[in-house]
Amino acid sequence: MDTRGRLVDVLMLPGFVAEDDGNWIGYTSYENRAGDIEIVVLESLLEGQGVASALLAKCAREAVSEAARRLWLLTSNDNTPALRFYQRRGFVLVAVHRDAITHARANLKPEIPLTGKDDIPLRDEIELELPHAIWPDFIERYSWPRP
């Protein structure tokens, strides 16, 4: 996977798996880069069931245990469902890396398509961050199992 102009082998990163009766229903991987934890992959196989939120809570808990300064992620400019999802959970937009995907396509991964969701030109990375002050409430609200 390309993230901020470099390729990352997500299979080599730490992460978490959500299971139901032994079946994977979601997974996430993250990378701690000098105290900044980047969520590199977040995938839920069941929409609307809280799987992705619970996996984010696991990442936030890990950020606390690693005394991280920051918990952040990137998404592409076409991924409006992800932008909605993250912002509704308290993530804030902190940067738009203009033409980052265009550069990645030219220099790292030529297989990146020109258009993405809803035929939106795929070109920018949008950076979001979960503010440190809300980590405890976020963990409490979204962790599984819930009391």
C-alpha atoms as a PDB file:
ATOM      1  CA  MET A   1       0.000   0.000   0.000  1.00  0.00           C
ATOM      2  CA  ASP A   2       1.124   3.523  -0.722  1.00  0.00           C
ATOM      3  CA  THR A   3       1.049   5.991   2.158  1.00  0.00           C
ATOM      4  CA  ARG A   4       2.541   9.469   1.952  1.00  0.00           C
ATOM      5  CA  GLY A   5       4.754   8.609  -0.977  1.00  0.00           C
ATOM      6  CA  ARG A   6       6.167   5.295   0.236  1.00  0.00           C
ATOM      7  CA  LEU A   7       5.157   1.691  -0.167  1.00  0.00           C
ATOM      8  CA  VAL A   8       4.286  -0.265   2.977  1.00  0.00           C
ATOM      9  CA  ASP A   9       3.860  -4.032   3.277  1.00  0.00           C
ATOM     10  CA  VAL A  10       0.686  -4.099   5.378  1.00  0.00           C
ATOM     11  CA  LEU A  11       1.143  -7.815   6.094  1.00  0.00           C
ATOM     12  CA  MET A  12       4.259  -6.948   8.100  1.00  0.00           C
ATOM     13  CA  LEU A  13       2.489  -4.376  10.289  1.00  0.00           C
ATOM     14  CA  PRO A  14       0.844  -5.022  13.657  1.00  0.00           C
ATOM     15  CA  GLY A  15      -2.926  -4.911  13.772  1.00  0.00           C
ATOM     16  CA  PHE A  16      -6.174  -6.399  14.976  1.00  0.00           C
ATOM     17  CA  VAL A  17      -8.798  -8.765  13.627  1.00  0.00           C
ATOM     18  CA  ALA A  18     -12.490  -8.690  14.550  1.00  0.00           C
ATOM     19  CA  GLU A  19     -14.088 -12.125  14.531  1.00  0.00           C
ATOM     20  CA  ASP A  20     -17.547 -13.583  14.907  1.00  0.00           C
ATOM     21  CA  ASP A  21     -17.717 -17.296  15.568  1.00  0.00           C
ATOM     22  CA  GLY A  22     -14.202 -17.724  14.198  1.00  0.00           C
ATOM     23  CA  ASN A  23     -14.947 -15.802  10.998  1.00  0.00           C
ATOM     24  CA  TRP A  24     -13.133 -12.574  10.174  1.00  0.00           C
ATOM     25  CA  ILE A  25     -15.523  -9.629  10.048  1.00  0.00           C
ATOM     26  CA  GLY A  26     -12.917  -6.884   9.953  1.00  0.00           C
ATOM     27  CA  TYR A  27      -9.268  -6.032  10.369  1.00  0.00           C
ATOM     28  CA  THR A  28      -6.919  -3.122  10.810  1.00  0.00           C
ATOM     29  CA  SER A  29      -3.189  -2.572  10.653  1.00  0.00           C
ATOM     30  CA  TYR A  30      -1.181   0.337  11.955  1.00  0.00           C
ATOM     31  CA  GLU A  31       2.352   1.643  12.064  1.00  0.00           C
ATOM     32  CA  ASN A  32       4.020   3.516  14.907  1.00  0.00           C
ATOM     33  CA  ARG A  33       6.364   6.015  13.321  1.00  0.00           C
ATOM     34  CA  ALA A  34       8.286   7.849  16.035  1.00  0.00           C
ATOM     35  CA  GLY A  35       5.276   8.132  18.341  1.00  0.00           C
ATOM     36  CA  ASP A  36       2.742   8.889  15.633  1.00  0.00           C
ATOM     37  CA  ILE A  37       0.434   5.948  14.971  1.00  0.00           C
ATOM     38  CA  GLU A  38      -0.913   5.786  11.465  1.00  0.00           C
ATOM     39  CA  ILE A  39      -3.885   3.534  10.810  1.00  0.00           C
ATOM     40  CA  VAL A  40      -2.820   2.108   7.467  1.00  0.00           C
ATOM     41  CA  VAL A  41      -5.704  -0.299   6.787  1.00  0.00           C
ATOM     42  CA  LEU A  42      -9.233  -0.433   8.181  1.00  0.00           C
ATOM     43  CA  GLU A  43     -11.659  -2.895   6.658  1.00  0.00           C
ATOM     44  CA  SER A  44     -15.063  -3.991   7.909  1.00  0.00           C
ATOM     45  CA  LEU A  45     -16.910  -6.804   6.183  1.00  0.00           C
ATOM     46  CA  LEU A  46     -20.170  -5.898   7.944  1.00  0.00           C
ATOM     47  CA  GLU A  47     -21.471  -2.364   7.532  1.00  0.00           C
ATOM     48  CA  GLY A  48     -23.407  -0.691  10.309  1.00  0.00           C
ATOM     49  CA  GLN A  49     -22.526  -3.260  12.988  1.00  0.00           C
ATOM     50  CA  GLY A  50     -19.817  -1.262  14.813  1.00  0.00           C
ATOM     51  CA  VAL A  51     -16.941  -3.417  13.575  1.00  0.00           C
ATOM     52  CA  ALA A  52     -14.863  -0.586  12.101  1.00  0.00           C
ATOM     53  CA  SER A  53     -15.517   1.633  15.128  1.00  0.00           C
ATOM     54  CA  ALA A  54     -14.426  -1.150  17.501  1.00  0.00           C
ATOM     55  CA  LEU A  55     -11.242  -1.671  15.494  1.00  0.00           C
ATOM     56  CA  LEU A  56     -10.524   2.058  15.654  1.00  0.00           C
ATOM     57  CA  ALA A  57     -11.041   1.888  19.427  1.00  0.00           C
ATOM     58  CA  LYS A  58      -8.443  -0.912  19.568  1.00  0.00           C
ATOM     59  CA  CYS A  59      -6.028   1.330  17.683  1.00  0.00           C
ATOM     60  CA  ALA A  60      -6.757   4.197  20.083  1.00  0.00           C
ATOM     61  CA  ARG A  61      -6.163   1.884  23.052  1.00  0.00           C
ATOM     62  CA  GLU A  62      -2.863   0.826  21.469  1.00  0.00           C
ATOM     63  CA  ALA A  63      -1.932   4.487  20.958  1.00  0.00           C
ATOM     64  CA  VAL A  64      -2.515   5.078  24.675  1.00  0.00           C
ATOM     65  CA  SER A  65      -0.463   2.022  25.676  1.00  0.00           C
ATOM     66  CA  GLU A  66       2.394   3.097  23.386  1.00  0.00           C
ATOM     67  CA  ALA A  67       2.216   6.683  24.710  1.00  0.00           C
ATOM     68  CA  ALA A  68       1.706   7.915  21.162  1.00  0.00           C
ATOM     69  CA  ARG A  69       1.417  11.602  20.440  1.00  0.00           C
ATOM     70  CA  ARG A  70      -0.912  11.170  17.520  1.00  0.00           C
ATOM     71  CA  LEU A  71      -3.430   8.770  15.939  1.00  0.00           C
ATOM     72  CA  TRP A  72      -4.034   9.510  12.278  1.00  0.00           C
ATOM     73  CA  LEU A  73      -4.895   8.072   8.891  1.00  0.00           C
ATOM     74  CA  LEU A  74      -5.182   8.884   5.220  1.00  0.00           C
ATOM     75  CA  THR A  75      -7.997   8.374   2.784  1.00  0.00           C
ATOM     76  CA  SER A  76      -8.360   9.268  -0.853  1.00  0.00           C
ATOM     77  CA  ASN A  77     -10.271  12.303  -2.075  1.00  0.00           C
ATOM     78  CA  ASP A  78     -12.959  10.103  -3.685  1.00  0.00           C
ATOM     79  CA  ASN A  79     -13.766   8.156  -0.525  1.00  0.00           C
ATOM     80  CA  THR A  80     -16.691  10.260   0.697  1.00  0.00           C
ATOM     81  CA  PRO A  81     -18.188   7.401   2.771  1.00  0.00           C
ATOM     82  CA  ALA A  82     -14.923   7.124   4.724  1.00  0.00           C
ATOM     83  CA  LEU A  83     -14.711  10.887   5.218  1.00  0.00           C
ATOM     84  CA  ARG A  84     -18.244  10.875   6.619  1.00  0.00           C
ATOM     85  CA  PHE A  85     -17.541   7.836   8.814  1.00  0.00           C
ATOM     86  CA  TYR A  86     -14.349   9.221  10.374  1.00  0.00           C
ATOM     87  CA  GLN A  87     -15.686  12.722  10.963  1.00  0.00           C
ATOM     88  CA  ARG A  88     -18.828  11.387  12.652  1.00  0.00           C
ATOM     89  CA  ARG A  89     -16.516   9.596  15.107  1.00  0.00           C
ATOM     90  CA  GLY A  90     -14.517  12.701  15.966  1.00  0.00           C
ATOM     91  CA  PHE A  91     -11.647  12.592  13.488  1.00  0.00           C
ATOM     92  CA  VAL A  92     -10.713  16.011  12.149  1.00  0.00           C
ATOM     93  CA  LEU A  93      -9.267  16.989   8.780  1.00  0.00           C
ATOM     94  CA  VAL A  94      -5.685  18.142   9.250  1.00  0.00           C
ATOM     95  CA  ALA A  95      -4.262  18.215   5.709  1.00  0.00           C
ATOM     96  CA  VAL A  96      -4.933  17.674   2.047  1.00  0.00           C
ATOM     97  CA  HIS A  97      -1.896  16.298   0.247  1.00  0.00           C
ATOM     98  CA  ARG A  98      -2.641  17.607  -3.175  1.00  0.00           C
ATOM     99  CA  ASP A  99      -1.752  15.271  -6.048  1.00  0.00           C
ATOM    100  CA  ALA A 100      -0.191  12.705  -3.678  1.00  0.00           C
ATOM    101  CA  ILE A 101      -2.023   9.872  -5.432  1.00  0.00           C
ATOM    102  CA  THR A 102      -1.113  11.290  -8.833  1.00  0.00           C
ATOM    103  CA  HIS A 103       2.567  11.190  -7.791  1.00  0.00           C
ATOM    104  CA  ALA A 104       2.215   7.691  -6.325  1.00  0.00           C
ATOM    105  CA  ARG A 105       0.664   6.499  -9.584  1.00  0.00           C
ATOM    106  CA  ALA A 106       3.567   7.980 -11.563  1.00  0.00           C
ATOM    107  CA  ASN A 107       6.387   6.851  -9.254  1.00  0.00           C
ATOM    108  CA  LEU A 108       5.311   3.888  -7.112  1.00  0.00           C
ATOM    109  CA  LYS A 109       2.141   2.142  -8.252  1.00  0.00           C
ATOM    110  CA  PRO A 110       1.152   2.649 -11.873  1.00  0.00           C
ATOM    111  CA  GLU A 111      -1.847   0.343 -11.327  1.00  0.00           C
ATOM    112  CA  ILE A 112      -3.653   2.999  -9.251  1.00  0.00           C
ATOM    113  CA  PRO A 113      -6.724   3.896 -11.333  1.00  0.00           C
ATOM    114  CA  LEU A 114      -7.360   7.391 -12.620  1.00  0.00           C
ATOM    115  CA  THR A 115     -10.868   7.519 -11.143  1.00  0.00           C
ATOM    116  CA  GLY A 116     -12.340   6.154  -7.956  1.00  0.00           C
ATOM    117  CA  LYS A 117     -15.727   6.021  -6.275  1.00  0.00           C
ATOM    118  CA  ASP A 118     -18.519   7.757  -8.194  1.00  0.00           C
ATOM    119  CA  ASP A 119     -16.084   8.433 -11.072  1.00  0.00           C
ATOM    120  CA  ILE A 120     -14.279  11.078  -9.004  1.00  0.00           C
ATOM    121  CA  PRO A 121     -10.713  11.701 -10.270  1.00  0.00           C
ATOM    122  CA  LEU A 122      -8.364   9.955  -7.841  1.00  0.00           C
ATOM    123  CA  ARG A 123      -5.533  12.351  -6.994  1.00  0.00           C
ATOM    124  CA  ASP A 124      -5.313  13.614  -3.383  1.00  0.00           C
ATOM    125  CA  GLU A 125      -4.725  12.089   0.038  1.00  0.00           C
ATOM    126  CA  ILE A 126      -6.771  13.534   2.883  1.00  0.00           C
ATOM    127  CA  GLU A 127      -5.243  13.289   6.344  1.00  0.00           C
ATOM    128  CA  LEU A 128      -7.453  12.943   9.412  1.00  0.00           C
ATOM    129  CA  GLU A 129      -6.508  12.763  13.064  1.00  0.00           C
ATOM    130  CA  LEU A 130      -8.319  11.737  16.221  1.00  0.00           C
ATOM    131  CA  PRO A 131      -7.640  14.517  18.746  1.00  0.00           C
ATOM    132  CA  HIS A 132      -5.656  13.217  21.706  1.00  0.00           C
ATOM    133  CA  ALA A 133      -8.087  14.752  24.210  1.00  0.00           C
ATOM    134  CA  ILE A 134     -10.955  12.504  23.106  1.00  0.00           C
ATOM    135  CA  TRP A 135      -9.064   9.174  23.063  1.00  0.00           C
ATOM    136  CA  PRO A 136     -10.418   8.003  26.454  1.00  0.00           C
ATOM    137  CA  ASP A 137     -14.048   8.778  25.522  1.00  0.00           C
ATOM    138  CA  PHE A 138     -13.578   7.244  22.086  1.00  0.00           C
ATOM    139  CA  ILE A 139     -12.221   4.021  23.588  1.00  0.00           C
ATOM    140  CA  GLU A 140     -15.066   3.874  26.096  1.00  0.00           C
ATOM    141  CA  ARG A 141     -17.748   4.538  23.507  1.00  0.00           C
ATOM    142  CA  TYR A 142     -16.633   2.191  20.727  1.00  0.00           C
ATOM    143  CA  SER A 143     -14.832  -0.701  22.426  1.00  0.00           C
ATOM    144  CA  TRP A 144     -16.258  -4.225  22.327  1.00  0.00           C
ATOM    145  CA  PRO A 145     -17.663  -5.917  24.237  1.00  0.00           C
ATOM    146  CA  ARG A 146     -19.978  -3.252  25.522  1.00  0.00           C
ATOM    147  CA  PRO A 147     -21.330  -3.591  29.049  1.00  0.00           C
END
